[in-house]
Amino acid sequence: MPPPVVPSNNEIEADTLMERADKRANAFTFFGLAGSQQSKYEEAGEMCAKAGNLYKIEKKCLSTMTTSRWSHEHVYCMCVGKEAGDAYMKSAEYLMRTDDRDEAANKMVEASKCYKKSNPEGNFISE
């Protein structure tokens, strides 16, 4: 049985950023002002994009440790790649609420690249 994989600092920081982004997006704004509504979604989108970058860095580090196709490290690497894609999709979601469709589309492209690299066969198991 392989030893448990301990999350790295990058992964912990990315998880924290994702939590902060959700809190920021769901924060109450004073009388629902349009400017503050838009800025909170922009900030949440930026936090999710940073988290996606941290997950991608972690994926690169773990992929160099892979010794075989079905090793424990490879499975873990696939999960981190999916998390990066999920973070970019969440960023795109928030950016769509600000009507920044170009940047949202870029985040969706980044997400698709992460999904593709983490599982080239495209057969994700839904949770």
C-alpha atoms as a PDB file:
ATOM      1  CA  MET A   1       0.000   0.000   0.000  1.00  0.00           C
ATOM      2  CA  PRO A   2       1.514   3.344  -0.995  1.00  0.00           C
ATOM      3  CA  PRO A   3       2.105   5.949   1.699  1.00  0.00           C
ATOM      4  CA  PRO A   4      -0.472   8.755   1.951  1.00  0.00           C
ATOM      5  CA  VAL A   5       0.335  11.845  -0.059  1.00  0.00           C
ATOM      6  CA  VAL A   6       0.628  14.987   2.041  1.00  0.00           C
ATOM      7  CA  PRO A   7      -0.714  18.169   0.384  1.00  0.00           C
ATOM      8  CA  SER A   8       1.976  20.691  -0.481  1.00  0.00           C
ATOM      9  CA  ASN A   9       2.031  24.358   0.479  1.00  0.00           C
ATOM     10  CA  ASN A  10       0.811  25.303  -3.027  1.00  0.00           C
ATOM     11  CA  GLU A  11      -2.175  23.010  -2.754  1.00  0.00           C
ATOM     12  CA  ILE A  12      -3.060  24.270   0.719  1.00  0.00           C
ATOM     13  CA  GLU A  13      -2.771  27.884  -0.453  1.00  0.00           C
ATOM     14  CA  ALA A  14      -4.930  27.118  -3.502  1.00  0.00           C
ATOM     15  CA  ASP A  15      -7.612  25.533  -1.301  1.00  0.00           C
ATOM     16  CA  THR A  16      -7.554  28.613   0.924  1.00  0.00           C
ATOM     17  CA  LEU A  17      -7.892  30.927  -2.094  1.00  0.00           C
ATOM     18  CA  MET A  18     -10.890  28.964  -3.354  1.00  0.00           C
ATOM     19  CA  GLU A  19     -12.603  29.267   0.039  1.00  0.00           C
ATOM     20  CA  ARG A  20     -11.868  33.006   0.185  1.00  0.00           C
ATOM     21  CA  ALA A  21     -13.213  33.453  -3.361  1.00  0.00           C
ATOM     22  CA  ASP A  22     -16.504  31.782  -2.443  1.00  0.00           C
ATOM     23  CA  LYS A  23     -16.827  33.954   0.652  1.00  0.00           C
ATOM     24  CA  ARG A  24     -16.042  37.092  -1.358  1.00  0.00           C
ATOM     25  CA  ALA A  25     -18.562  36.253  -4.071  1.00  0.00           C
ATOM     26  CA  ASN A  26     -21.286  35.558  -1.513  1.00  0.00           C
ATOM     27  CA  ALA A  27     -20.526  38.631   0.604  1.00  0.00           C
ATOM     28  CA  PHE A  28     -23.304  41.113   1.243  1.00  0.00           C
ATOM     29  CA  THR A  29     -22.919  44.391  -0.622  1.00  0.00           C
ATOM     30  CA  PHE A  30     -24.309  47.651   0.685  1.00  0.00           C
ATOM     31  CA  PHE A  31     -27.715  48.125  -0.963  1.00  0.00           C
ATOM     32  CA  GLY A  32     -26.611  45.943  -3.876  1.00  0.00           C
ATOM     33  CA  LEU A  33     -24.633  48.703  -5.562  1.00  0.00           C
ATOM     34  CA  ALA A  34     -23.717  47.709  -9.114  1.00  0.00           C
ATOM     35  CA  GLY A  35     -20.067  48.731  -8.794  1.00  0.00           C
ATOM     36  CA  SER A  36     -19.522  46.762  -5.615  1.00  0.00           C
ATOM     37  CA  GLN A  37     -21.368  43.755  -7.046  1.00  0.00           C
ATOM     38  CA  GLN A  38     -19.095  43.723 -10.066  1.00  0.00           C
ATOM     39  CA  SER A  39     -15.892  44.241  -8.084  1.00  0.00           C
ATOM     40  CA  LYS A  40     -16.636  41.384  -5.700  1.00  0.00           C
ATOM     41  CA  TYR A  41     -17.065  38.987  -8.627  1.00  0.00           C
ATOM     42  CA  GLU A  42     -13.900  40.310 -10.282  1.00  0.00           C
ATOM     43  CA  GLU A  43     -11.938  39.721  -7.078  1.00  0.00           C
ATOM     44  CA  ALA A  44     -13.431  36.244  -6.634  1.00  0.00           C
ATOM     45  CA  GLY A  45     -12.561  35.408 -10.255  1.00  0.00           C
ATOM     46  CA  GLU A  46      -8.974  36.556  -9.754  1.00  0.00           C
ATOM     47  CA  MET A  47      -8.643  34.454  -6.595  1.00  0.00           C
ATOM     48  CA  CYS A  48      -9.927  31.359  -8.412  1.00  0.00           C
ATOM     49  CA  ALA A  49      -7.512  31.968 -11.307  1.00  0.00           C
ATOM     50  CA  LYS A  50      -4.605  32.237  -8.850  1.00  0.00           C
ATOM     51  CA  ALA A  51      -5.731  28.997  -7.226  1.00  0.00           C
ATOM     52  CA  GLY A  52      -5.820  27.357 -10.655  1.00  0.00           C
ATOM     53  CA  ASN A  53      -2.256  28.513 -11.292  1.00  0.00           C
ATOM     54  CA  LEU A  54      -1.138  27.051  -7.955  1.00  0.00           C
ATOM     55  CA  TYR A  55      -2.839  23.739  -8.748  1.00  0.00           C
ATOM     56  CA  LYS A  56      -1.116  23.704 -12.156  1.00  0.00           C
ATOM     57  CA  ILE A  57       2.272  24.270 -10.515  1.00  0.00           C
ATOM     58  CA  GLU A  58       1.553  21.389  -8.164  1.00  0.00           C
ATOM     59  CA  LYS A  59       0.549  19.166 -11.072  1.00  0.00           C
ATOM     60  CA  LYS A  60       3.846  19.845 -12.842  1.00  0.00           C
ATOM     61  CA  CYS A  61       5.820  19.011  -9.710  1.00  0.00           C
ATOM     62  CA  LEU A  62       3.962  15.752  -9.142  1.00  0.00           C
ATOM     63  CA  SER A  63       4.106  14.634 -12.757  1.00  0.00           C
ATOM     64  CA  THR A  64       7.916  14.554 -12.585  1.00  0.00           C
ATOM     65  CA  MET A  65       7.637  12.075  -9.698  1.00  0.00           C
ATOM     66  CA  THR A  66       5.539   9.622 -11.703  1.00  0.00           C
ATOM     67  CA  THR A  67       7.266   6.297 -12.197  1.00  0.00           C
ATOM     68  CA  SER A  68       4.544   4.316 -13.939  1.00  0.00           C
ATOM     69  CA  ARG A  69       1.181   4.909 -15.557  1.00  0.00           C
ATOM     70  CA  TRP A  70      -0.827   3.524 -12.641  1.00  0.00           C
ATOM     71  CA  SER A  71       1.341   4.593  -9.713  1.00  0.00           C
ATOM     72  CA  HIS A  72      -0.144   6.347  -6.685  1.00  0.00           C
ATOM     73  CA  GLU A  73       1.582   9.588  -7.640  1.00  0.00           C
ATOM     74  CA  HIS A  74       0.042   9.530 -11.127  1.00  0.00           C
ATOM     75  CA  VAL A  75      -3.479   9.137  -9.731  1.00  0.00           C
ATOM     76  CA  TYR A  76      -2.830  12.020  -7.345  1.00  0.00           C
ATOM     77  CA  CYS A  77      -1.460  14.119 -10.200  1.00  0.00           C
ATOM     78  CA  MET A  78      -4.659  13.525 -12.157  1.00  0.00           C
ATOM     79  CA  CYS A  79      -6.748  14.779  -9.226  1.00  0.00           C
ATOM     80  CA  VAL A  80      -4.716  17.968  -8.905  1.00  0.00           C
ATOM     81  CA  GLY A  81      -5.149  18.613 -12.659  1.00  0.00           C
ATOM     82  CA  LYS A  82      -8.902  18.275 -12.272  1.00  0.00           C
ATOM     83  CA  GLU A  83      -8.838  20.691  -9.343  1.00  0.00           C
ATOM     84  CA  ALA A  84      -6.971  23.219 -11.491  1.00  0.00           C
ATOM     85  CA  GLY A  85      -9.617  22.884 -14.201  1.00  0.00           C
ATOM     86  CA  ASP A  86     -12.388  23.276 -11.639  1.00  0.00           C
ATOM     87  CA  ALA A  87     -10.732  26.433 -10.268  1.00  0.00           C
ATOM     88  CA  TYR A  88     -10.499  27.961 -13.750  1.00  0.00           C
ATOM     89  CA  MET A  89     -14.145  27.103 -14.466  1.00  0.00           C
ATOM     90  CA  LYS A  90     -15.202  28.755 -11.204  1.00  0.00           C
ATOM     91  CA  SER A  91     -13.155  31.810 -12.208  1.00  0.00           C
ATOM     92  CA  ALA A  92     -14.955  31.888 -15.557  1.00  0.00           C
ATOM     93  CA  GLU A  93     -18.300  31.644 -13.761  1.00  0.00           C
ATOM     94  CA  TYR A  94     -17.533  34.707 -11.658  1.00  0.00           C
ATOM     95  CA  LEU A  95     -16.141  36.640 -14.621  1.00  0.00           C
ATOM     96  CA  MET A  96     -19.311  35.966 -16.623  1.00  0.00           C
ATOM     97  CA  ARG A  97     -21.236  37.793 -13.896  1.00  0.00           C
ATOM     98  CA  THR A  98     -19.103  40.885 -14.579  1.00  0.00           C
ATOM     99  CA  ASP A  99     -19.761  40.682 -18.332  1.00  0.00           C
ATOM    100  CA  ASP A 100     -16.040  40.171 -18.980  1.00  0.00           C
ATOM    101  CA  ARG A 101     -16.768  37.442 -21.518  1.00  0.00           C
ATOM    102  CA  ASP A 102     -13.340  37.519 -23.183  1.00  0.00           C
ATOM    103  CA  GLU A 103     -11.480  36.807 -19.945  1.00  0.00           C
ATOM    104  CA  ALA A 104     -14.089  34.222 -18.952  1.00  0.00           C
ATOM    105  CA  ALA A 105     -13.527  32.436 -22.269  1.00  0.00           C
ATOM    106  CA  ASN A 106      -9.767  32.433 -21.643  1.00  0.00           C
ATOM    107  CA  LYS A 107     -10.329  30.796 -18.245  1.00  0.00           C
ATOM    108  CA  MET A 108     -12.534  28.161 -19.868  1.00  0.00           C
ATOM    109  CA  VAL A 109      -9.765  27.380 -22.363  1.00  0.00           C
ATOM    110  CA  GLU A 110      -7.292  27.040 -19.469  1.00  0.00           C
ATOM    111  CA  ALA A 111      -9.728  24.705 -17.712  1.00  0.00           C
ATOM    112  CA  SER A 112     -10.058  22.524 -20.795  1.00  0.00           C
ATOM    113  CA  LYS A 113      -6.258  22.278 -21.072  1.00  0.00           C
ATOM    114  CA  CYS A 114      -6.021  21.153 -17.442  1.00  0.00           C
ATOM    115  CA  TYR A 115      -8.759  18.564 -17.905  1.00  0.00           C
ATOM    116  CA  LYS A 116      -7.121  17.294 -21.084  1.00  0.00           C
ATOM    117  CA  LYS A 117      -3.651  16.995 -19.524  1.00  0.00           C
ATOM    118  CA  SER A 118      -4.899  15.350 -16.362  1.00  0.00           C
ATOM    119  CA  ASN A 119      -6.883  12.701 -18.245  1.00  0.00           C
ATOM    120  CA  PRO A 120      -6.125  12.491 -21.979  1.00  0.00           C
ATOM    121  CA  GLU A 121      -8.677   9.695 -22.509  1.00  0.00           C
ATOM    122  CA  GLY A 122     -11.422  12.015 -21.270  1.00  0.00           C
ATOM    123  CA  ASN A 123     -13.111   9.469 -19.034  1.00  0.00           C
ATOM    124  CA  PHE A 124     -13.566  11.269 -15.711  1.00  0.00           C
ATOM    125  CA  ILE A 125     -15.472   9.443 -13.037  1.00  0.00           C
ATOM    126  CA  SER A 126     -18.167  11.693 -11.620  1.00  0.00           C
ATOM    127  CA  GLU A 127     -18.260  12.008  -7.859  1.00  0.00           C
END
